[in-house]
Amino acid sequence: MIRDRTLQARVKLVGKLPITGELLRGSLLERTVRHTKGCPKCARGEGHQVFVLTVTYAGGRTQQFSVRRERIAEVRRWLDNYQKLKQAIEDICELNHELLRPGPHRRRMGRRHD
């Protein structure tokens, strides 16, 4: 009974997977860059707002990508898609852990050896 409910829950989650190629792993950072000389905007203390996608790889290696202002909404959507897919995969794994657990102990049928 519990196994059947777990299997049904897993099928339901698989059916809801956000399958799309619009996935992006990483963090979107907003920074302010200030020039040291010759920039009136920086001289006033305003600086220039820039967006950077930071991705960390195995071994601690990090790569950064500059993101144009007009693509920020798209990048945020792709990052959100990745997080939703990652969460769905984690939820499915939890259900699979339940399926691996042994069921209630049942007595073996057959003769008893005294």
C-alpha atoms as a PDB file:
ATOM      1  CA  MET A   1       0.000   0.000   0.000  1.00  0.00           C
ATOM      2  CA  ILE A   2       2.703   2.479   1.015  1.00  0.00           C
ATOM      3  CA  ARG A   3       4.815   1.300  -1.907  1.00  0.00           C
ATOM      4  CA  ASP A   4       1.942   1.952  -4.329  1.00  0.00           C
ATOM      5  CA  ARG A   5       1.429   5.474  -2.993  1.00  0.00           C
ATOM      6  CA  THR A   6       5.157   6.163  -3.245  1.00  0.00           C
ATOM      7  CA  LEU A   7       5.235   4.921  -6.840  1.00  0.00           C
ATOM      8  CA  GLN A   8       2.216   7.076  -7.706  1.00  0.00           C
ATOM      9  CA  ALA A   9       3.866  10.113  -6.127  1.00  0.00           C
ATOM     10  CA  ARG A  10       7.032   9.450  -8.133  1.00  0.00           C
ATOM     11  CA  VAL A  11       5.088   9.156 -11.415  1.00  0.00           C
ATOM     12  CA  LYS A  12       3.338  12.431 -10.610  1.00  0.00           C
ATOM     13  CA  LEU A  13       6.651  14.201  -9.945  1.00  0.00           C
ATOM     14  CA  VAL A  14       8.221  12.849 -13.131  1.00  0.00           C
ATOM     15  CA  GLY A  15       5.221  14.132 -15.072  1.00  0.00           C
ATOM     16  CA  LYS A  16       5.798  17.620 -13.649  1.00  0.00           C
ATOM     17  CA  LEU A  17       9.527  17.804 -14.434  1.00  0.00           C
ATOM     18  CA  PRO A  18      10.327  21.163 -16.030  1.00  0.00           C
ATOM     19  CA  ILE A  19      11.933  19.678 -19.126  1.00  0.00           C
ATOM     20  CA  THR A  20      13.511  22.495 -21.097  1.00  0.00           C
ATOM     21  CA  GLY A  21      16.854  23.402 -22.579  1.00  0.00           C
ATOM     22  CA  GLU A  22      16.628  26.760 -20.818  1.00  0.00           C
ATOM     23  CA  LEU A  23      18.663  25.745 -17.779  1.00  0.00           C
ATOM     24  CA  LEU A  24      21.525  27.572 -16.201  1.00  0.00           C
ATOM     25  CA  ARG A  25      23.577  26.685 -13.144  1.00  0.00           C
ATOM     26  CA  GLY A  26      25.297  29.399 -11.175  1.00  0.00           C
ATOM     27  CA  SER A  27      24.637  32.654  -9.357  1.00  0.00           C
ATOM     28  CA  LEU A  28      23.791  36.009 -10.846  1.00  0.00           C
ATOM     29  CA  LEU A  29      25.729  38.763  -9.123  1.00  0.00           C
ATOM     30  CA  GLU A  30      25.205  42.490  -9.388  1.00  0.00           C
ATOM     31  CA  ARG A  31      28.317  44.594  -9.001  1.00  0.00           C
ATOM     32  CA  THR A  32      29.320  48.207  -9.176  1.00  0.00           C
ATOM     33  CA  VAL A  33      32.499  48.955 -11.090  1.00  0.00           C
ATOM     34  CA  ARG A  34      34.299  52.247 -10.513  1.00  0.00           C
ATOM     35  CA  HIS A  35      36.975  53.690 -12.729  1.00  0.00           C
ATOM     36  CA  THR A  36      39.929  55.364 -11.060  1.00  0.00           C
ATOM     37  CA  LYS A  37      40.407  58.233 -13.521  1.00  0.00           C
ATOM     38  CA  GLY A  38      38.530  60.202 -16.138  1.00  0.00           C
ATOM     39  CA  CYS A  39      34.957  59.073 -15.506  1.00  0.00           C
ATOM     40  CA  PRO A  40      32.590  61.759 -14.229  1.00  0.00           C
ATOM     41  CA  LYS A  41      29.992  59.186 -13.110  1.00  0.00           C
ATOM     42  CA  CYS A  42      32.591  57.345 -11.033  1.00  0.00           C
ATOM     43  CA  ALA A  43      33.954  60.636  -9.699  1.00  0.00           C
ATOM     44  CA  ARG A  44      30.458  61.354  -8.303  1.00  0.00           C
ATOM     45  CA  GLY A  45      30.576  57.956  -6.587  1.00  0.00           C
ATOM     46  CA  GLU A  46      27.864  56.362  -8.736  1.00  0.00           C
ATOM     47  CA  GLY A  47      29.916  53.785 -10.610  1.00  0.00           C
ATOM     48  CA  HIS A  48      28.638  51.426 -13.291  1.00  0.00           C
ATOM     49  CA  GLN A  49      26.254  48.570 -12.534  1.00  0.00           C
ATOM     50  CA  VAL A  50      27.289  45.261 -14.127  1.00  0.00           C
ATOM     51  CA  PHE A  51      25.865  41.738 -13.911  1.00  0.00           C
ATOM     52  CA  VAL A  52      28.008  38.619 -13.722  1.00  0.00           C
ATOM     53  CA  LEU A  53      27.043  34.949 -13.816  1.00  0.00           C
ATOM     54  CA  THR A  54      29.397  33.010 -11.535  1.00  0.00           C
ATOM     55  CA  VAL A  55      29.693  29.242 -11.931  1.00  0.00           C
ATOM     56  CA  THR A  56      31.774  27.030  -9.646  1.00  0.00           C
ATOM     57  CA  TYR A  57      33.110  23.733 -10.987  1.00  0.00           C
ATOM     58  CA  ALA A  58      34.559  20.665  -9.311  1.00  0.00           C
ATOM     59  CA  GLY A  59      37.860  21.373  -7.631  1.00  0.00           C
ATOM     60  CA  GLY A  60      36.782  24.884  -6.696  1.00  0.00           C
ATOM     61  CA  ARG A  61      37.432  26.394 -10.129  1.00  0.00           C
ATOM     62  CA  THR A  62      35.169  29.385 -10.788  1.00  0.00           C
ATOM     63  CA  GLN A  63      34.230  30.964 -14.072  1.00  0.00           C
ATOM     64  CA  GLN A  64      32.460  34.288 -14.544  1.00  0.00           C
ATOM     65  CA  PHE A  65      30.423  35.483 -17.502  1.00  0.00           C
ATOM     66  CA  SER A  66      29.387  39.078 -18.100  1.00  0.00           C
ATOM     67  CA  VAL A  67      25.657  39.352 -18.749  1.00  0.00           C
ATOM     68  CA  ARG A  68      24.146  42.165 -20.776  1.00  0.00           C
ATOM     69  CA  ARG A  69      21.399  44.135 -19.065  1.00  0.00           C
ATOM     70  CA  GLU A  70      18.800  43.119 -21.683  1.00  0.00           C
ATOM     71  CA  ARG A  71      19.385  39.423 -20.919  1.00  0.00           C
ATOM     72  CA  ILE A  72      19.024  39.623 -17.110  1.00  0.00           C
ATOM     73  CA  ALA A  73      15.356  38.513 -17.078  1.00  0.00           C
ATOM     74  CA  GLU A  74      16.190  35.569 -19.344  1.00  0.00           C
ATOM     75  CA  VAL A  75      19.162  34.509 -17.189  1.00  0.00           C
ATOM     76  CA  ARG A  76      17.038  34.711 -14.029  1.00  0.00           C
ATOM     77  CA  ARG A  77      14.362  32.531 -15.666  1.00  0.00           C
ATOM     78  CA  TRP A  78      16.970  29.955 -16.724  1.00  0.00           C
ATOM     79  CA  LEU A  79      18.470  29.905 -13.206  1.00  0.00           C
ATOM     80  CA  ASP A  80      14.978  29.419 -11.758  1.00  0.00           C
ATOM     81  CA  ASN A  81      14.304  26.541 -14.190  1.00  0.00           C
ATOM     82  CA  TYR A  82      17.510  24.867 -13.017  1.00  0.00           C
ATOM     83  CA  GLN A  83      16.535  25.208  -9.349  1.00  0.00           C
ATOM     84  CA  LYS A  84      13.057  23.775 -10.014  1.00  0.00           C
ATOM     85  CA  LEU A  85      14.512  20.818 -11.906  1.00  0.00           C
ATOM     86  CA  LYS A  86      17.121  20.221  -9.209  1.00  0.00           C
ATOM     87  CA  GLN A  87      14.434  20.263  -6.495  1.00  0.00           C
ATOM     88  CA  ALA A  88      12.229  17.870  -8.476  1.00  0.00           C
ATOM     89  CA  ILE A  89      15.151  15.457  -8.888  1.00  0.00           C
ATOM     90  CA  GLU A  90      15.845  15.631  -5.138  1.00  0.00           C
ATOM     91  CA  ASP A  91      12.185  14.911  -4.387  1.00  0.00           C
ATOM     92  CA  ILE A  92      12.219  11.888  -6.718  1.00  0.00           C
ATOM     93  CA  CYS A  93      15.398  10.615  -5.058  1.00  0.00           C
ATOM     94  CA  GLU A  94      13.721  10.861  -1.638  1.00  0.00           C
ATOM     95  CA  LEU A  95      10.808   8.764  -2.918  1.00  0.00           C
ATOM     96  CA  ASN A  96      13.269   6.238  -4.339  1.00  0.00           C
ATOM     97  CA  HIS A  97      14.942   6.033  -0.929  1.00  0.00           C
ATOM     98  CA  GLU A  98      11.546   5.105   0.495  1.00  0.00           C
ATOM     99  CA  LEU A  99      11.185   2.397  -2.148  1.00  0.00           C
ATOM    100  CA  LEU A 100      14.551   0.902  -1.156  1.00  0.00           C
ATOM    101  CA  ARG A 101      13.530   0.467   2.455  1.00  0.00           C
ATOM    102  CA  PRO A 102      12.492  -3.063   3.289  1.00  0.00           C
ATOM    103  CA  GLY A 103       8.796  -3.662   3.767  1.00  0.00           C
ATOM    104  CA  PRO A 104       7.255  -4.923   6.984  1.00  0.00           C
ATOM    105  CA  HIS A 105       8.833  -8.133   8.194  1.00  0.00           C
ATOM    106  CA  ARG A 106       6.746 -11.098   7.219  1.00  0.00           C
ATOM    107  CA  ARG A 107       7.090 -14.560   8.628  1.00  0.00           C
ATOM    108  CA  ARG A 108       8.308 -17.056   6.149  1.00  0.00           C
ATOM    109  CA  MET A 109       5.777 -19.633   5.200  1.00  0.00           C
ATOM    110  CA  GLY A 110       6.835 -23.199   5.595  1.00  0.00           C
ATOM    111  CA  ARG A 111       7.925 -25.643   8.171  1.00  0.00           C
ATOM    112  CA  ARG A 112       9.477 -24.723  11.449  1.00  0.00           C
ATOM    113  CA  HIS A 113      12.597 -26.561  12.416  1.00  0.00           C
ATOM    114  CA  ASP A 114      12.570 -27.411  16.111  1.00  0.00           C
END
